[in-house]
Amino acid sequence: MGTHTRMPPRLVIAIDGPVGAGKSSVGRLLAERLGFTCVDSGLFYRAAAWAVLQRGGDSDRAADAVAAARSLDLTFEPDPTGRRAAQVRQDGVDITEQLYTSAVERVVSPVSRLAALRQTLLAAQRRAIGVGGVVALGRDIGTVVWPQAALKIYLDASLERRVERKWRQRTEAGETIARAEVRRLLEDRDRLDAGRSTSPLRAAVDAVIVQTDGLSIAEVVDRLEAELRARRLVEAR
């Protein structure tokens, strides 16, 4: 809708939720409307997994994952293709597409379960978010990474809707995968995220919960903008 806004320069909006709930699409469009940067915390874990592979390390070994994470110097920019939440650069080099390879997909879950790695990446995530003017996406932004966010959103959707969304994303990217396999992967990831001892997936107590079933991405973003206006965090002009 192209809403024009004027906002405090250091405002942070946190969007959490399970895989496939629409966080990346919603966050990217909301950031675009507000003139903000979209920072997806999941990209830090993908980058750590990519760095482990680049260094020939073991993705199940905390020391290897932590060493790889400490080698990262990530920056985030709007993705000119509109396909990703953000464009990711390591030491100035665009590595975005490398973070979505099958090799990274295979190791990002075991890497992200490592408590030592999560602690190592926490400081980097907070630095990226702390500059303000950020829509931050993840599974623990409002509860752990940036609990002082001006607005916390928890996006949710039925498993069926999430499976359909992720299946379409993968097939449109040229991958051949059955819906049943996507469902299994999401169910496994849900169990891992909810059962993690460190920073489990849950809605912050003061989060606004938005069920995205039956809503377009634009309709979800409209709802979030309305919430921002209701809280006087944004002014239409």
C-alpha atoms as a PDB file:
ATOM      1  CA  MET A   1       0.000   0.000   0.000  1.00  0.00           C
ATOM      2  CA  GLY A   2       3.060   2.243   0.189  1.00  0.00           C
ATOM      3  CA  THR A   3       2.255   3.828   3.548  1.00  0.00           C
ATOM      4  CA  HIS A   4       4.540   6.790   4.245  1.00  0.00           C
ATOM      5  CA  THR A   5       5.754   6.933   7.812  1.00  0.00           C
ATOM      6  CA  ARG A   6       7.851   8.905  10.223  1.00  0.00           C
ATOM      7  CA  MET A   7       9.398   6.827  12.998  1.00  0.00           C
ATOM      8  CA  PRO A   8      11.886   7.121  15.864  1.00  0.00           C
ATOM      9  CA  PRO A   9      15.330   6.342  14.379  1.00  0.00           C
ATOM     10  CA  ARG A  10      16.232   3.533  16.804  1.00  0.00           C
ATOM     11  CA  LEU A  11      12.946   1.639  16.728  1.00  0.00           C
ATOM     12  CA  VAL A  12      13.206  -2.164  16.662  1.00  0.00           C
ATOM     13  CA  ILE A  13      10.319  -4.443  15.705  1.00  0.00           C
ATOM     14  CA  ALA A  14      10.687  -8.134  16.628  1.00  0.00           C
ATOM     15  CA  ILE A  15       8.926 -10.831  14.599  1.00  0.00           C
ATOM     16  CA  ASP A  16       9.155 -14.408  15.861  1.00  0.00           C
ATOM     17  CA  GLY A  17       7.398 -17.602  14.873  1.00  0.00           C
ATOM     18  CA  PRO A  18       7.842 -21.131  13.514  1.00  0.00           C
ATOM     19  CA  VAL A  19       9.316 -22.115  10.169  1.00  0.00           C
ATOM     20  CA  GLY A  20       6.977 -21.280   7.294  1.00  0.00           C
ATOM     21  CA  ALA A  21       4.767 -18.800   9.138  1.00  0.00           C
ATOM     22  CA  GLY A  22       5.747 -16.050   6.681  1.00  0.00           C
ATOM     23  CA  LYS A  23       8.291 -14.123   8.762  1.00  0.00           C
ATOM     24  CA  SER A  24      10.710 -13.423   5.906  1.00  0.00           C
ATOM     25  CA  SER A  25       8.074 -12.187   3.459  1.00  0.00           C
ATOM     26  CA  VAL A  26       6.258 -10.131   6.088  1.00  0.00           C
ATOM     27  CA  GLY A  27       9.459  -8.725   7.567  1.00  0.00           C
ATOM     28  CA  ARG A  28      10.901  -7.773   4.195  1.00  0.00           C
ATOM     29  CA  LEU A  29       7.733  -5.935   3.118  1.00  0.00           C
ATOM     30  CA  LEU A  30       7.281  -4.213   6.482  1.00  0.00           C
ATOM     31  CA  ALA A  31      10.898  -3.049   6.452  1.00  0.00           C
ATOM     32  CA  GLU A  32      10.477  -1.784   2.889  1.00  0.00           C
ATOM     33  CA  ARG A  33       7.396   0.240   3.842  1.00  0.00           C
ATOM     34  CA  LEU A  34       9.109   1.741   6.875  1.00  0.00           C
ATOM     35  CA  GLY A  35      12.498   2.350   5.267  1.00  0.00           C
ATOM     36  CA  PHE A  36      14.082  -0.061   7.759  1.00  0.00           C
ATOM     37  CA  THR A  37      16.651  -2.846   7.459  1.00  0.00           C
ATOM     38  CA  CYS A  38      15.375  -6.420   7.769  1.00  0.00           C
ATOM     39  CA  VAL A  39      17.684  -8.603   9.887  1.00  0.00           C
ATOM     40  CA  ASP A  40      16.904 -12.333  10.008  1.00  0.00           C
ATOM     41  CA  SER A  41      18.650 -14.005  12.958  1.00  0.00           C
ATOM     42  CA  GLY A  42      18.417 -17.336  11.141  1.00  0.00           C
ATOM     43  CA  LEU A  43      20.923 -16.011   8.616  1.00  0.00           C
ATOM     44  CA  PHE A  44      23.552 -15.903  11.362  1.00  0.00           C
ATOM     45  CA  TYR A  45      23.120 -19.648  11.888  1.00  0.00           C
ATOM     46  CA  ARG A  46      23.184 -20.299   8.169  1.00  0.00           C
ATOM     47  CA  ALA A  47      26.351 -18.221   7.914  1.00  0.00           C
ATOM     48  CA  ALA A  48      27.924 -20.163  10.785  1.00  0.00           C
ATOM     49  CA  ALA A  49      27.019 -23.443   9.084  1.00  0.00           C
ATOM     50  CA  TRP A  50      28.470 -22.139   5.801  1.00  0.00           C
ATOM     51  CA  ALA A  51      31.646 -21.042   7.582  1.00  0.00           C
ATOM     52  CA  VAL A  52      32.031 -24.471   9.219  1.00  0.00           C
ATOM     53  CA  LEU A  53      31.853 -26.096   5.791  1.00  0.00           C
ATOM     54  CA  GLN A  54      34.278 -23.544   4.302  1.00  0.00           C
ATOM     55  CA  ARG A  55      36.778 -24.325   7.057  1.00  0.00           C
ATOM     56  CA  GLY A  56      36.330 -28.115   6.785  1.00  0.00           C
ATOM     57  CA  GLY A  57      35.017 -28.349  10.337  1.00  0.00           C
ATOM     58  CA  ASP A  58      32.593 -30.717  12.067  1.00  0.00           C
ATOM     59  CA  SER A  59      29.071 -29.251  12.363  1.00  0.00           C
ATOM     60  CA  ASP A  60      28.385 -31.371  15.463  1.00  0.00           C
ATOM     61  CA  ARG A  61      31.480 -30.092  17.272  1.00  0.00           C
ATOM     62  CA  ALA A  62      30.859 -26.943  19.301  1.00  0.00           C
ATOM     63  CA  ALA A  63      34.487 -25.785  19.127  1.00  0.00           C
ATOM     64  CA  ASP A  64      34.459 -25.917  15.307  1.00  0.00           C
ATOM     65  CA  ALA A  65      31.138 -24.070  15.093  1.00  0.00           C
ATOM     66  CA  VAL A  66      32.198 -21.371  17.558  1.00  0.00           C
ATOM     67  CA  ALA A  67      35.518 -20.823  15.767  1.00  0.00           C
ATOM     68  CA  ALA A  68      33.678 -20.519  12.448  1.00  0.00           C
ATOM     69  CA  ALA A  69      31.162 -18.062  13.926  1.00  0.00           C
ATOM     70  CA  ARG A  70      33.926 -15.886  15.338  1.00  0.00           C
ATOM     71  CA  SER A  71      35.433 -15.592  11.849  1.00  0.00           C
ATOM     72  CA  LEU A  72      32.266 -13.922  10.541  1.00  0.00           C
ATOM     73  CA  ASP A  73      31.881 -10.206   9.876  1.00  0.00           C
ATOM     74  CA  LEU A  74      28.356  -9.985   8.477  1.00  0.00           C
ATOM     75  CA  THR A  75      26.476  -7.000   7.110  1.00  0.00           C
ATOM     76  CA  PHE A  76      22.859  -6.905   5.910  1.00  0.00           C
ATOM     77  CA  GLU A  77      21.344  -4.946   3.054  1.00  0.00           C
ATOM     78  CA  PRO A  78      17.961  -4.996   1.280  1.00  0.00           C
ATOM     79  CA  ASP A  79      17.865  -7.881  -1.194  1.00  0.00           C
ATOM     80  CA  PRO A  80      17.510  -6.347  -4.684  1.00  0.00           C
ATOM     81  CA  THR A  81      15.967  -9.608  -5.976  1.00  0.00           C
ATOM     82  CA  GLY A  82      13.183  -9.515  -3.363  1.00  0.00           C
ATOM     83  CA  ARG A  83      13.621 -13.255  -2.811  1.00  0.00           C
ATOM     84  CA  ARG A  84      15.311 -13.166   0.592  1.00  0.00           C
ATOM     85  CA  ALA A  85      14.788 -11.302   3.843  1.00  0.00           C
ATOM     86  CA  ALA A  86      18.110  -9.542   3.267  1.00  0.00           C
ATOM     87  CA  GLN A  87      21.304  -9.653   1.265  1.00  0.00           C
ATOM     88  CA  VAL A  88      24.138 -10.975   3.433  1.00  0.00           C
ATOM     89  CA  ARG A  89      27.750  -9.940   2.963  1.00  0.00           C
ATOM     90  CA  GLN A  90      30.777 -11.506   4.615  1.00  0.00           C
ATOM     91  CA  ASP A  91      33.745  -9.132   4.596  1.00  0.00           C
ATOM     92  CA  GLY A  92      31.911  -7.206   1.882  1.00  0.00           C
ATOM     93  CA  VAL A  93      31.322 -10.252  -0.362  1.00  0.00           C
ATOM     94  CA  ASP A  94      27.731 -11.268  -1.143  1.00  0.00           C
ATOM     95  CA  ILE A  95      27.231 -14.812   0.198  1.00  0.00           C
ATOM     96  CA  THR A  96      23.416 -14.812   0.265  1.00  0.00           C
ATOM     97  CA  GLU A  97      22.775 -17.638  -2.187  1.00  0.00           C
ATOM     98  CA  GLN A  98      25.525 -19.757  -0.649  1.00  0.00           C
ATOM     99  CA  LEU A  99      23.551 -19.767   2.606  1.00  0.00           C
ATOM    100  CA  TYR A 100      20.639 -21.582   0.955  1.00  0.00           C
ATOM    101  CA  THR A 101      22.517 -24.487  -0.627  1.00  0.00           C
ATOM    102  CA  SER A 102      21.621 -28.103   0.177  1.00  0.00           C
ATOM    103  CA  ALA A 103      24.970 -28.490   1.951  1.00  0.00           C
ATOM    104  CA  VAL A 104      24.136 -25.661   4.362  1.00  0.00           C
ATOM    105  CA  GLU A 105      20.562 -26.933   4.797  1.00  0.00           C
ATOM    106  CA  ARG A 106      21.918 -30.288   5.963  1.00  0.00           C
ATOM    107  CA  VAL A 107      24.044 -28.848   8.753  1.00  0.00           C
ATOM    108  CA  VAL A 108      22.230 -25.684   9.894  1.00  0.00           C
ATOM    109  CA  SER A 109      19.912 -27.560  12.301  1.00  0.00           C
ATOM    110  CA  PRO A 110      22.664 -29.390  14.220  1.00  0.00           C
ATOM    111  CA  VAL A 111      24.757 -26.219  14.276  1.00  0.00           C
ATOM    112  CA  SER A 112      21.901 -24.069  15.601  1.00  0.00           C
ATOM    113  CA  ARG A 113      21.265 -26.529  18.457  1.00  0.00           C
ATOM    114  CA  LEU A 114      24.715 -25.909  19.945  1.00  0.00           C
ATOM    115  CA  ALA A 115      24.316 -23.745  23.051  1.00  0.00           C
ATOM    116  CA  ALA A 116      27.891 -22.442  22.813  1.00  0.00           C
ATOM    117  CA  LEU A 117      27.283 -21.278  19.248  1.00  0.00           C
ATOM    118  CA  ARG A 118      23.995 -19.591  20.126  1.00  0.00           C
ATOM    119  CA  GLN A 119      25.764 -17.688  22.894  1.00  0.00           C
ATOM    120  CA  THR A 120      28.581 -16.674  20.542  1.00  0.00           C
ATOM    121  CA  LEU A 121      26.182 -15.386  17.892  1.00  0.00           C
ATOM    122  CA  LEU A 122      24.009 -13.527  20.410  1.00  0.00           C
ATOM    123  CA  ALA A 123      26.424 -10.594  20.640  1.00  0.00           C
ATOM    124  CA  ALA A 124      26.640 -10.318  16.831  1.00  0.00           C
ATOM    125  CA  GLN A 125      22.853 -10.419  16.510  1.00  0.00           C
ATOM    126  CA  ARG A 126      22.470  -7.695  19.130  1.00  0.00           C
ATOM    127  CA  ARG A 127      25.035  -5.505  17.366  1.00  0.00           C
ATOM    128  CA  ALA A 128      23.163  -5.828  14.070  1.00  0.00           C
ATOM    129  CA  ILE A 129      19.803  -5.083  15.672  1.00  0.00           C
ATOM    130  CA  GLY A 130      21.025  -2.432  18.091  1.00  0.00           C
ATOM    131  CA  VAL A 131      21.644   0.178  15.416  1.00  0.00           C
ATOM    132  CA  GLY A 132      17.863   0.564  15.295  1.00  0.00           C
ATOM    133  CA  GLY A 133      15.578   1.102  12.351  1.00  0.00           C
ATOM    134  CA  VAL A 134      15.356  -2.694  12.164  1.00  0.00           C
ATOM    135  CA  VAL A 135      12.693  -5.320  11.630  1.00  0.00           C
ATOM    136  CA  ALA A 136      14.298  -8.336  13.321  1.00  0.00           C
ATOM    137  CA  LEU A 137      13.147 -11.869  12.476  1.00  0.00           C
ATOM    138  CA  GLY A 138      13.728 -15.134  14.273  1.00  0.00           C
ATOM    139  CA  ARG A 139      12.527 -17.582  16.888  1.00  0.00           C
ATOM    140  CA  ASP A 140      13.855 -15.876  20.020  1.00  0.00           C
ATOM    141  CA  ILE A 141      14.136 -12.180  19.122  1.00  0.00           C
ATOM    142  CA  GLY A 142      11.436 -10.951  21.485  1.00  0.00           C
ATOM    143  CA  THR A 143      12.335 -13.361  24.290  1.00  0.00           C
ATOM    144  CA  VAL A 144      16.159 -13.450  24.276  1.00  0.00           C
ATOM    145  CA  VAL A 145      17.918 -11.407  21.611  1.00  0.00           C
ATOM    146  CA  TRP A 146      16.027  -8.088  21.882  1.00  0.00           C
ATOM    147  CA  PRO A 147      13.311  -8.307  24.578  1.00  0.00           C
ATOM    148  CA  GLN A 148      13.167  -4.484  24.722  1.00  0.00           C
ATOM    149  CA  ALA A 149      11.729  -4.292  21.185  1.00  0.00           C
ATOM    150  CA  ALA A 150       9.139  -1.535  20.752  1.00  0.00           C
ATOM    151  CA  LEU A 151       6.723  -4.043  19.227  1.00  0.00           C
ATOM    152  CA  LYS A 152       6.877  -7.840  19.448  1.00  0.00           C
ATOM    153  CA  ILE A 153       4.960  -9.938  16.957  1.00  0.00           C
ATOM    154  CA  TYR A 154       4.518 -13.700  16.972  1.00  0.00           C
ATOM    155  CA  LEU A 155       3.476 -14.933  13.532  1.00  0.00           C
ATOM    156  CA  ASP A 156       1.837 -18.343  13.444  1.00  0.00           C
ATOM    157  CA  ALA A 157       0.092 -20.520  10.871  1.00  0.00           C
ATOM    158  CA  SER A 158      -1.322 -24.019  10.639  1.00  0.00           C
ATOM    159  CA  LEU A 159       1.097 -26.790   9.760  1.00  0.00           C
ATOM    160  CA  GLU A 160      -0.767 -27.325   6.478  1.00  0.00           C
ATOM    161  CA  ARG A 161      -0.320 -23.677   5.465  1.00  0.00           C
ATOM    162  CA  ARG A 162       3.345 -23.713   6.443  1.00  0.00           C
ATOM    163  CA  VAL A 163       4.005 -26.924   4.510  1.00  0.00           C
ATOM    164  CA  GLU A 164       2.351 -25.460   1.403  1.00  0.00           C
ATOM    165  CA  ARG A 165       4.374 -22.232   1.685  1.00  0.00           C
ATOM    166  CA  LYS A 166       7.740 -23.987   2.112  1.00  0.00           C
ATOM    167  CA  TRP A 167       6.957 -26.544  -0.614  1.00  0.00           C
ATOM    168  CA  ARG A 168       6.173 -23.755  -3.093  1.00  0.00           C
ATOM    169  CA  GLN A 169       9.344 -21.883  -2.145  1.00  0.00           C
ATOM    170  CA  ARG A 170      11.478 -24.963  -2.767  1.00  0.00           C
ATOM    171  CA  THR A 171       9.827 -25.998  -6.016  1.00  0.00           C
ATOM    172  CA  GLU A 172       9.966 -22.437  -7.367  1.00  0.00           C
ATOM    173  CA  ALA A 173      13.698 -22.509  -6.587  1.00  0.00           C
ATOM    174  CA  GLY A 174      13.998 -25.565  -8.848  1.00  0.00           C
ATOM    175  CA  GLU A 175      14.125 -28.265  -6.166  1.00  0.00           C
ATOM    176  CA  THR A 176      12.193 -31.511  -6.588  1.00  0.00           C
ATOM    177  CA  ILE A 177      10.669 -32.408  -3.231  1.00  0.00           C
ATOM    178  CA  ALA A 178       7.398 -34.008  -2.132  1.00  0.00           C
ATOM    179  CA  ARG A 179       4.984 -32.226   0.180  1.00  0.00           C
ATOM    180  CA  ALA A 180       5.232 -35.187   2.563  1.00  0.00           C
ATOM    181  CA  GLU A 181       8.974 -34.645   2.871  1.00  0.00           C
ATOM    182  CA  VAL A 182       8.501 -30.928   3.524  1.00  0.00           C
ATOM    183  CA  ARG A 183       5.939 -31.801   6.212  1.00  0.00           C
ATOM    184  CA  ARG A 184       8.391 -34.201   7.871  1.00  0.00           C
ATOM    185  CA  LEU A 185      11.145 -31.575   7.817  1.00  0.00           C
ATOM    186  CA  LEU A 186       8.873 -28.934   9.381  1.00  0.00           C
ATOM    187  CA  GLU A 187       7.613 -31.308  12.062  1.00  0.00           C
ATOM    188  CA  ASP A 188      11.208 -32.204  12.932  1.00  0.00           C
ATOM    189  CA  ARG A 189      12.199 -28.534  13.058  1.00  0.00           C
ATOM    190  CA  ASP A 190       9.189 -27.666  15.227  1.00  0.00           C
ATOM    191  CA  ARG A 191      10.208 -30.341  17.736  1.00  0.00           C
ATOM    192  CA  LEU A 192      13.791 -29.123  17.771  1.00  0.00           C
ATOM    193  CA  ASP A 193      12.832 -25.460  18.147  1.00  0.00           C
ATOM    194  CA  ALA A 194      10.268 -26.051  20.901  1.00  0.00           C
ATOM    195  CA  GLY A 195      12.377 -28.588  22.797  1.00  0.00           C
ATOM    196  CA  ARG A 196      15.676 -26.730  22.715  1.00  0.00           C
ATOM    197  CA  SER A 197      17.139 -26.215  26.190  1.00  0.00           C
ATOM    198  CA  THR A 198      18.639 -22.881  25.104  1.00  0.00           C
ATOM    199  CA  SER A 199      16.216 -20.221  23.782  1.00  0.00           C
ATOM    200  CA  PRO A 200      13.273 -22.494  22.881  1.00  0.00           C
ATOM    201  CA  LEU A 201      10.665 -21.197  20.456  1.00  0.00           C
ATOM    202  CA  ARG A 202       7.858 -19.452  22.315  1.00  0.00           C
ATOM    203  CA  ALA A 203       5.890 -16.236  22.116  1.00  0.00           C
ATOM    204  CA  ALA A 204       6.973 -13.414  24.408  1.00  0.00           C
ATOM    205  CA  VAL A 205       4.363 -12.720  27.077  1.00  0.00           C
ATOM    206  CA  ASP A 206       3.745  -9.256  25.610  1.00  0.00           C
ATOM    207  CA  ALA A 207       3.812 -10.292  21.952  1.00  0.00           C
ATOM    208  CA  VAL A 208       0.922  -9.643  19.580  1.00  0.00           C
ATOM    209  CA  ILE A 209       0.007 -13.039  18.110  1.00  0.00           C
ATOM    210  CA  VAL A 210      -1.023 -12.945  14.463  1.00  0.00           C
ATOM    211  CA  GLN A 211      -2.443 -16.055  12.785  1.00  0.00           C
ATOM    212  CA  THR A 212      -1.608 -15.765   9.100  1.00  0.00           C
ATOM    213  CA  ASP A 213      -3.928 -18.459   7.703  1.00  0.00           C
ATOM    214  CA  GLY A 214      -6.249 -16.891   5.163  1.00  0.00           C
ATOM    215  CA  LEU A 215      -4.278 -13.645   5.012  1.00  0.00           C
ATOM    216  CA  SER A 216      -2.044 -12.396   2.211  1.00  0.00           C
ATOM    217  CA  ILE A 217       1.415 -11.050   3.055  1.00  0.00           C
ATOM    218  CA  ALA A 218       0.177  -7.507   2.391  1.00  0.00           C
ATOM    219  CA  GLU A 219      -2.805  -8.017   4.709  1.00  0.00           C
ATOM    220  CA  VAL A 220      -0.512  -9.203   7.516  1.00  0.00           C
ATOM    221  CA  VAL A 221       1.742  -6.170   7.022  1.00  0.00           C
ATOM    222  CA  ASP A 222      -1.314  -3.879   7.011  1.00  0.00           C
ATOM    223  CA  ARG A 223      -2.280  -5.364  10.384  1.00  0.00           C
ATOM    224  CA  LEU A 224       1.197  -4.772  11.790  1.00  0.00           C
ATOM    225  CA  GLU A 225       1.211  -1.182  10.565  1.00  0.00           C
ATOM    226  CA  ALA A 226      -2.173  -0.657  12.224  1.00  0.00           C
ATOM    227  CA  GLU A 227      -0.703  -1.979  15.481  1.00  0.00           C
ATOM    228  CA  LEU A 228       2.225   0.431  15.176  1.00  0.00           C
ATOM    229  CA  ARG A 229      -0.136   3.353  14.636  1.00  0.00           C
ATOM    230  CA  ALA A 230      -2.341   2.284  17.549  1.00  0.00           C
ATOM    231  CA  ARG A 231       0.719   2.360  19.798  1.00  0.00           C
ATOM    232  CA  ARG A 232       1.791   5.740  18.390  1.00  0.00           C
ATOM    233  CA  LEU A 233       5.035   4.207  17.163  1.00  0.00           C
ATOM    234  CA  VAL A 234       4.342   5.360  13.628  1.00  0.00           C
ATOM    235  CA  GLU A 235       2.567   8.338  12.107  1.00  0.00           C
ATOM    236  CA  ALA A 236       1.005   8.337   8.675  1.00  0.00           C
ATOM    237  CA  ARG A 237       1.783  11.479   6.718  1.00  0.00           C
END
